[in-house]
Amino acid sequence: MIEFRRLWHYCTRYIDNFLLAGLFLLMLVGLVVLYSASGGNLGRVSGQILNMVVALAIMWLVANIPLQQIMRLALPLYILGIVLLLGVTLFGEIQNGARRWLNLGITRIQPSEMLKIAVPLMMAWYFDKTEITLRLRDYAGATLILLLPVFLIARQPDLGTALLITASGFYVLYFAGLSWRVMAGLLVTAGGILPLFWTFAMHDYQRRRVLTMLDPSQDPLGAGYHIIQSSIAIGSGGVAGKGWQNGTQSQLDFLPEQSTDFIFAVFSEEFGLIGNGLLLLLYLVIIGRCLIITANAPTQFTRLVAGSITLTFFTYVFVNMGMVSGVLPVVGIPLPLISYGGTSLVTMLLGFGILMSIQTHPKLVKT
């Protein structure tokens, strides 16, 4: 028994137990909803369990890496990500009109997922090197670090991932102390160029998504079908929901992508407003714990990385729920730790591994 306790302590010494418990609860909810959304497909559920095991193993590994080592990886990881994005541009496979995957022979990878972690790490590393004398040109340099991968990803096109990486970079700029006046100026500038972006940068299907969000009824059997069906599912759940596996929209296959992007609609129909409130509370508890880790981060680098990962996780939740509810355009962003899929799950738990390393390695990081 004593040896087991020692082994357990050794394996979990760099794990934040409170945060891990919240993540486990979310993933358990995800498996329950996935079973219903997939029509009782045990193969799909077991596949997600395998994804979780791999993602948790990566989280544990990263949590055990001191922050000095993670900081040293920021630059090479960013450069590797840019090189892979260029490889996608030149040699990537085209699926459904988008060039997002790179075939390496033994496997296919989506390099844009790597940049969700590499960009905030790189920007935090950059600011850490110029921490003493931060000037406007330093913020401009960090913005260039952000815009290069965003431009390459938006060209694939993958607007959802590009927006998420933009958000993660913006959070680094915010925590680095960028003036509110400058941020307001950037927002005004972005608003000014929005008509040009709409006309020349957005693809036809992306413009249709925005117009469909404003009025789904204009194409109820086409572009508006997703939003109309998910809205029906959410509304029909009522206060207490219809019960597990009793949702008509999901069980009768009216909901599209109900195991992935629109799984929140399945949850809402089956568990209602009460279930949604409890799910939001669980997300808020996890985000709150991550903000505490951010506040206690011992260095500029760790504070910027922790803050960006935390608020990016919040953005995932906000955008997916807004998308499914018809408040935001459909951009293909999964509900964190609930939606089926391995790539996004690995990326998110890798980020939580970095947060745990920040929490449990304070004495190993320079102060």
Protein backbone atom coordinates (compact mmCIF):
# COMPACT_ATOMS: atom_id res chain seq x y z
CA MET A 1 0.00 0.00 0.00
CA ILE A 2 2.84 2.39 0.89
CA GLU A 3 4.62 1.65 -2.38
CA PHE A 4 1.40 2.29 -4.31
CA ARG A 5 0.97 5.65 -2.58
CA ARG A 6 4.54 6.60 -3.44
CA LEU A 7 3.99 5.61 -7.06
CA TRP A 8 0.70 7.53 -7.20
CA HIS A 9 2.32 10.61 -5.66
CA TYR A 10 5.21 10.37 -8.13
CA CYS A 11 2.86 10.10 -11.12
CA THR A 12 0.57 12.95 -10.00
CA ARG A 13 3.04 15.37 -8.40
CA TYR A 14 2.81 17.75 -11.38
CA ILE A 15 -0.95 17.33 -11.90
CA ASP A 16 -3.48 19.89 -10.67
CA ASN A 17 -6.09 17.56 -9.14
CA PHE A 18 -8.87 20.16 -9.04
CA LEU A 19 -8.44 21.00 -12.72
CA LEU A 20 -8.10 17.33 -13.66
CA ALA A 21 -11.37 16.49 -11.87
CA GLY A 22 -13.21 19.17 -13.84
CA LEU A 23 -11.76 17.90 -17.13
CA PHE A 24 -12.74 14.31 -16.28
CA LEU A 25 -16.31 15.37 -15.53
CA LEU A 26 -16.57 17.20 -18.87
CA MET A 27 -15.20 14.24 -20.80
CA LEU A 28 -17.59 11.90 -18.99
CA VAL A 29 -20.50 14.13 -20.00
CA GLY A 30 -19.11 14.06 -23.54
CA LEU A 31 -19.15 10.25 -23.64
CA VAL A 32 -22.74 10.11 -22.35
CA VAL A 33 -23.97 12.61 -24.94
CA LEU A 34 -21.89 11.03 -27.71
CA TYR A 35 -23.49 7.63 -27.07
CA SER A 36 -26.93 9.19 -27.57
CA ALA A 37 -25.89 11.40 -30.50
CA SER A 38 -24.33 8.46 -32.35
CA GLY A 39 -27.41 6.26 -31.91
CA GLY A 40 -25.71 3.96 -29.40
CA ASN A 41 -22.65 3.39 -31.60
CA LEU A 42 -20.18 1.73 -29.20
CA GLY A 43 -17.44 1.85 -31.81
CA ARG A 44 -17.63 5.61 -31.95
CA VAL A 45 -17.67 5.87 -28.15
CA SER A 46 -14.70 3.51 -27.78
CA GLY A 47 -12.86 5.53 -30.43
CA GLN A 48 -13.41 8.68 -28.39
CA ILE A 49 -12.22 6.89 -25.24
CA LEU A 50 -9.01 6.03 -27.10
CA ASN A 51 -8.68 9.69 -28.13
CA MET A 52 -9.08 10.69 -24.49
CA VAL A 53 -6.43 8.23 -23.30
CA VAL A 54 -3.94 9.57 -25.85
CA ALA A 55 -4.80 13.19 -25.04
CA LEU A 56 -4.52 12.60 -21.26
CA ALA A 57 -1.16 10.89 -21.75
CA ILE A 58 0.10 13.92 -23.70
CA MET A 59 -1.28 16.24 -21.01
CA TRP A 60 0.53 14.27 -18.30
CA LEU A 61 3.77 14.31 -20.28
CA VAL A 62 3.61 18.08 -20.87
CA ALA A 63 2.67 18.75 -17.23
CA ASN A 64 5.90 17.03 -16.19
CA ILE A 65 8.07 19.23 -18.43
CA PRO A 66 9.59 22.26 -16.65
CA LEU A 67 8.65 25.60 -18.18
CA GLN A 68 12.24 26.35 -19.15
CA GLN A 69 12.09 23.42 -21.57
CA ILE A 70 8.69 24.46 -22.93
CA MET A 71 9.98 28.01 -23.39
CA ARG A 72 12.95 26.72 -25.40
CA LEU A 73 10.55 24.86 -27.69
CA ALA A 74 8.54 28.01 -28.55
CA LEU A 75 10.70 29.22 -31.45
CA PRO A 76 11.42 25.83 -33.13
CA LEU A 77 7.76 24.79 -32.72
CA TYR A 78 6.60 28.01 -34.37
CA ILE A 79 9.08 27.68 -37.24
CA LEU A 80 8.08 24.03 -37.76
CA GLY A 81 4.42 25.06 -37.84
CA ILE A 82 5.06 27.74 -40.47
CA VAL A 83 7.07 25.30 -42.60
CA LEU A 84 4.26 22.74 -42.41
CA LEU A 85 1.67 25.38 -43.33
CA LEU A 86 3.77 26.27 -46.38
CA GLY A 87 3.87 22.55 -47.16
CA VAL A 88 0.08 22.46 -47.01
CA THR A 89 -0.09 25.43 -49.38
CA LEU A 90 2.19 23.68 -51.90
CA PHE A 91 1.43 19.97 -51.47
CA GLY A 92 -1.63 19.68 -49.21
CA GLU A 93 -4.57 17.42 -49.98
CA ILE A 94 -7.83 19.06 -51.09
CA GLN A 95 -11.02 17.90 -49.39
CA ASN A 96 -14.41 19.61 -49.74
CA GLY A 97 -12.77 22.53 -51.53
CA ALA A 98 -10.22 23.22 -48.77
CA ARG A 99 -6.51 22.42 -48.61
CA ARG A 100 -5.86 21.75 -44.90
CA TRP A 101 -4.17 18.36 -44.60
CA LEU A 102 -0.58 17.34 -45.26
CA ASN A 103 0.15 13.71 -46.14
CA LEU A 104 3.45 12.58 -44.60
CA GLY A 105 3.22 9.04 -45.95
CA ILE A 106 2.66 7.24 -42.65
CA THR A 107 -0.04 9.64 -41.50
CA ARG A 108 -1.93 12.84 -42.31
CA ILE A 109 -1.64 15.92 -40.14
CA GLN A 110 -3.45 19.25 -39.92
CA PRO A 111 -0.63 21.72 -39.11
CA SER A 112 -3.05 24.53 -38.22
CA GLU A 113 -3.88 22.68 -34.97
CA MET A 114 -0.23 22.94 -33.90
CA LEU A 115 -0.33 26.71 -34.34
CA LYS A 116 -3.10 27.04 -31.74
CA ILE A 117 -0.39 26.33 -29.15
CA ALA A 118 2.71 27.44 -31.04
CA VAL A 119 1.50 31.02 -31.71
CA PRO A 120 0.79 32.03 -28.09
CA LEU A 121 4.00 30.29 -26.98
CA MET A 122 6.02 32.17 -29.59
CA MET A 123 4.41 35.54 -28.80
CA ALA A 124 4.92 35.00 -25.05
CA TRP A 125 8.58 34.07 -25.71
CA TYR A 126 8.99 37.21 -27.80
CA PHE A 127 7.52 39.45 -25.10
CA ASP A 128 9.61 37.73 -22.42
CA LYS A 129 12.76 38.71 -24.32
CA THR A 130 11.65 42.39 -24.45
CA GLU A 131 9.94 42.47 -21.04
CA ILE A 132 11.93 45.36 -19.57
CA THR A 133 11.42 47.88 -22.37
CA LEU A 134 8.12 47.13 -24.10
CA ARG A 135 7.40 49.68 -26.82
CA LEU A 136 4.83 50.00 -29.56
CA ARG A 137 7.23 48.45 -32.06
CA ASP A 138 7.45 45.36 -29.84
CA TYR A 139 3.68 44.96 -30.06
CA ALA A 140 3.95 45.44 -33.83
CA GLY A 141 6.54 42.66 -34.01
CA ALA A 142 4.29 40.33 -32.00
CA THR A 143 1.39 41.17 -34.31
CA LEU A 144 3.48 40.11 -37.32
CA ILE A 145 4.26 36.82 -35.56
CA LEU A 146 0.49 36.34 -35.25
CA LEU A 147 -0.56 37.47 -38.72
CA LEU A 148 1.77 35.20 -40.72
CA PRO A 149 0.16 31.87 -39.70
CA VAL A 150 -3.31 33.43 -39.65
CA PHE A 151 -2.86 34.50 -43.29
CA LEU A 152 -1.64 31.03 -44.33
CA ILE A 153 -4.52 29.28 -42.54
CA ALA A 154 -7.18 31.68 -43.87
CA ARG A 155 -5.99 30.90 -47.42
CA GLN A 156 -6.67 27.15 -47.02
CA PRO A 157 -9.49 28.30 -46.34
CA ASP A 158 -10.11 27.59 -42.64
CA LEU A 159 -11.73 30.70 -41.22
CA GLY A 160 -12.71 29.08 -37.90
CA THR A 161 -9.15 28.07 -37.00
CA ALA A 162 -7.79 31.39 -38.26
CA LEU A 163 -10.18 33.27 -35.96
CA LEU A 164 -9.28 31.09 -32.98
CA ILE A 165 -5.55 31.67 -33.48
CA THR A 166 -6.22 35.39 -33.93
CA ALA A 167 -8.09 35.35 -30.61
CA SER A 168 -5.26 33.48 -28.84
CA GLY A 169 -2.74 36.04 -30.13
CA PHE A 170 -4.97 38.96 -29.16
CA TYR A 171 -5.16 37.60 -25.61
CA VAL A 172 -1.35 37.56 -25.42
CA LEU A 173 -1.27 41.19 -26.57
CA TYR A 174 -3.89 42.05 -23.94
CA PHE A 175 -2.05 40.37 -21.06
CA ALA A 176 1.22 41.93 -22.25
CA GLY A 177 -0.30 45.35 -21.50
CA LEU A 178 -1.28 46.70 -24.91
CA SER A 179 -2.95 50.07 -24.44
CA TRP A 180 -6.75 50.22 -24.57
CA ARG A 181 -6.41 53.15 -26.96
CA VAL A 182 -4.36 51.05 -29.36
CA MET A 183 -6.83 48.14 -29.10
CA ALA A 184 -9.75 50.50 -29.72
CA GLY A 185 -7.91 51.89 -32.75
CA LEU A 186 -7.33 48.36 -34.06
CA LEU A 187 -11.03 47.55 -33.66
CA VAL A 188 -12.03 50.74 -35.49
CA THR A 189 -9.55 49.91 -38.26
CA ALA A 190 -10.89 46.37 -38.50
CA GLY A 191 -14.42 47.75 -38.76
CA GLY A 192 -13.30 50.09 -41.52
CA ILE A 193 -11.74 47.34 -43.66
CA LEU A 194 -14.61 44.90 -43.02
CA PRO A 195 -16.38 45.80 -46.31
CA LEU A 196 -13.14 45.08 -48.20
CA PHE A 197 -12.70 41.83 -46.31
CA TRP A 198 -16.29 40.87 -47.16
CA THR A 199 -15.82 41.64 -50.84
CA PHE A 200 -12.32 40.39 -51.58
CA ALA A 201 -11.18 38.02 -48.79
CA MET A 202 -14.23 35.94 -47.89
CA HIS A 203 -15.31 32.99 -49.99
CA ASP A 204 -18.88 32.65 -51.22
CA TYR A 205 -19.74 29.91 -48.73
CA GLN A 206 -18.41 32.06 -45.86
CA ARG A 207 -20.60 35.00 -46.90
CA ARG A 208 -23.58 32.64 -47.13
CA ARG A 209 -22.95 31.51 -43.56
CA VAL A 210 -23.10 35.09 -42.27
CA LEU A 211 -26.26 35.87 -44.25
CA THR A 212 -27.81 32.58 -43.11
CA MET A 213 -27.11 33.48 -39.48
CA LEU A 214 -29.06 36.72 -39.97
CA ASP A 215 -31.97 34.97 -41.69
CA PRO A 216 -31.88 31.13 -41.76
CA SER A 217 -35.31 30.96 -43.39
CA GLN A 218 -33.97 32.29 -46.69
CA ASP A 219 -32.54 28.81 -47.42
CA PRO A 220 -34.23 26.38 -45.00
CA LEU A 221 -33.20 23.23 -46.87
CA GLY A 222 -29.69 24.40 -47.69
CA ALA A 223 -27.39 26.76 -45.83
CA GLY A 224 -29.99 27.52 -43.15
CA TYR A 225 -30.79 23.89 -42.38
CA HIS A 226 -28.13 23.51 -39.65
CA ILE A 227 -29.23 26.54 -37.65
CA ILE A 228 -32.97 25.86 -38.01
CA GLN A 229 -32.71 22.25 -36.83
CA SER A 230 -30.35 23.05 -33.94
CA SER A 231 -32.63 25.91 -32.81
CA ILE A 232 -35.61 23.53 -32.83
CA ALA A 233 -33.64 21.00 -30.77
CA ILE A 234 -32.54 23.57 -28.19
CA GLY A 235 -36.01 25.07 -27.87
CA SER A 236 -37.81 21.74 -27.64
CA GLY A 237 -35.67 20.69 -24.69
CA GLY A 238 -37.56 23.11 -22.46
CA VAL A 239 -36.58 23.44 -18.81
CA ALA A 240 -35.91 19.81 -17.85
CA GLY A 241 -35.23 18.27 -21.29
CA LYS A 242 -36.75 15.21 -22.96
CA GLY A 243 -34.44 12.75 -21.28
CA TRP A 244 -31.34 10.86 -22.36
CA GLN A 245 -31.76 9.28 -25.81
CA ASN A 246 -35.27 10.72 -26.10
CA GLY A 247 -34.51 13.76 -28.26
CA THR A 248 -36.50 13.61 -31.47
CA GLN A 249 -34.24 15.89 -33.50
CA SER A 250 -31.15 13.80 -32.77
CA GLN A 251 -32.66 10.30 -32.68
CA LEU A 252 -34.50 10.87 -35.97
CA ASP A 253 -31.33 12.31 -37.59
CA PHE A 254 -32.67 15.78 -38.26
CA LEU A 255 -29.59 17.34 -36.66
CA PRO A 256 -26.50 17.56 -38.90
CA GLU A 257 -23.02 16.89 -37.45
CA GLN A 258 -24.70 15.94 -34.17
CA SER A 259 -21.66 14.09 -32.81
CA THR A 260 -19.24 16.91 -33.52
CA ASP A 261 -20.03 20.60 -34.08
CA PHE A 262 -23.72 20.42 -33.09
CA ILE A 263 -23.50 18.09 -30.10
CA PHE A 264 -24.57 20.95 -27.82
CA ALA A 265 -27.98 20.89 -29.52
CA VAL A 266 -28.29 17.18 -28.65
CA PHE A 267 -27.38 17.93 -25.03
CA SER A 268 -29.84 20.82 -24.85
CA GLU A 269 -32.73 18.78 -26.23
CA GLU A 270 -32.13 15.89 -23.84
CA PHE A 271 -31.22 17.78 -20.64
CA GLY A 272 -32.93 21.14 -21.15
CA LEU A 273 -32.22 24.47 -19.50
CA ILE A 274 -31.24 22.85 -16.19
CA GLY A 275 -28.64 20.66 -17.90
CA ASN A 276 -27.30 23.64 -19.84
CA GLY A 277 -26.94 25.61 -16.61
CA LEU A 278 -24.97 22.80 -14.95
CA LEU A 279 -22.77 22.40 -18.03
CA LEU A 280 -22.03 26.13 -18.10
CA LEU A 281 -21.24 26.02 -14.38
CA LEU A 282 -18.74 23.22 -14.96
CA TYR A 283 -17.08 25.20 -17.75
CA LEU A 284 -16.95 28.29 -15.51
CA VAL A 285 -15.33 26.30 -12.68
CA ILE A 286 -12.59 25.08 -15.04
CA ILE A 287 -12.05 28.56 -16.49
CA GLY A 288 -11.98 30.03 -12.98
CA ARG A 289 -9.30 27.57 -11.90
CA CYS A 290 -7.26 28.40 -15.00
CA LEU A 291 -7.55 32.14 -14.24
CA ILE A 292 -6.22 31.49 -10.72
CA ILE A 293 -3.24 29.67 -12.26
CA THR A 294 -2.74 32.67 -14.57
CA ALA A 295 -2.85 35.13 -11.67
CA ASN A 296 -0.25 33.08 -9.75
CA ALA A 297 2.08 32.60 -12.73
CA PRO A 298 5.60 33.57 -11.64
CA THR A 299 6.99 35.10 -14.86
CA GLN A 300 5.95 37.19 -17.83
CA PHE A 301 6.18 34.18 -20.14
CA THR A 302 4.04 31.89 -17.98
CA ARG A 303 1.45 34.59 -17.32
CA LEU A 304 1.00 35.33 -21.02
CA VAL A 305 0.80 31.66 -22.01
CA ALA A 306 -1.62 30.74 -19.21
CA GLY A 307 -3.88 33.70 -19.91
CA SER A 308 -4.01 32.99 -23.63
CA ILE A 309 -4.77 29.27 -23.18
CA THR A 310 -7.51 30.03 -20.65
CA LEU A 311 -9.30 32.66 -22.72
CA THR A 312 -8.91 30.61 -25.91
CA PHE A 313 -10.69 27.74 -24.14
CA PHE A 314 -13.44 30.21 -23.19
CA THR A 315 -13.62 31.33 -26.84
CA TYR A 316 -14.12 27.71 -27.98
CA VAL A 317 -17.09 27.35 -25.62
CA PHE A 318 -18.60 30.74 -26.47
CA VAL A 319 -18.28 30.37 -30.25
CA ASN A 320 -19.62 26.80 -30.38
CA MET A 321 -22.64 27.57 -28.22
CA GLY A 322 -23.29 30.79 -30.11
CA MET A 323 -22.95 28.99 -33.43
CA VAL A 324 -25.36 26.20 -32.46
CA SER A 325 -27.83 28.74 -31.04
CA GLY A 326 -27.81 30.80 -34.24
CA VAL A 327 -26.17 33.83 -32.61
CA LEU A 328 -22.88 33.39 -34.54
CA PRO A 329 -22.12 32.06 -38.03
CA VAL A 330 -21.35 28.36 -38.43
CA VAL A 331 -17.55 28.09 -38.48
CA GLY A 332 -16.95 24.45 -37.58
CA ILE A 333 -15.62 24.81 -34.02
CA PRO A 334 -16.24 21.84 -31.67
CA LEU A 335 -17.56 22.06 -28.12
CA PRO A 336 -14.45 21.56 -25.93
CA LEU A 337 -14.06 18.06 -24.43
CA ILE A 338 -17.65 17.16 -25.45
CA SER A 339 -17.58 16.92 -29.26
CA TYR A 340 -16.25 13.79 -30.95
CA GLY A 341 -12.76 14.13 -32.40
CA GLY A 342 -9.14 13.48 -31.50
CA THR A 343 -7.19 16.40 -32.94
CA SER A 344 -8.92 19.20 -31.06
CA LEU A 345 -9.02 17.09 -27.88
CA VAL A 346 -5.25 16.55 -27.99
CA THR A 347 -4.64 20.26 -28.64
CA MET A 348 -6.83 21.34 -25.72
CA LEU A 349 -5.40 18.87 -23.22
CA LEU A 350 -1.89 19.77 -24.34
CA GLY A 351 -2.75 23.35 -23.40
CA PHE A 352 -4.07 22.20 -20.01
CA GLY A 353 -0.82 20.27 -19.54
CA ILE A 354 1.08 23.54 -19.96
CA LEU A 355 -1.23 25.17 -17.39
CA MET A 356 -0.53 22.36 -14.92
CA SER A 357 3.20 22.72 -15.50
CA ILE A 358 2.90 26.44 -14.74
CA GLN A 359 0.98 25.64 -11.55
CA THR A 360 3.29 22.89 -10.27
CA HIS A 361 6.75 24.07 -11.42
CA PRO A 362 6.91 27.61 -9.93
CA LYS A 363 10.35 27.05 -8.40
CA LEU A 364 11.77 25.71 -11.64
CA VAL A 365 10.95 28.87 -13.59
CA LYS A 366 13.12 31.95 -13.37
CA THR A 367 11.69 34.75 -11.23
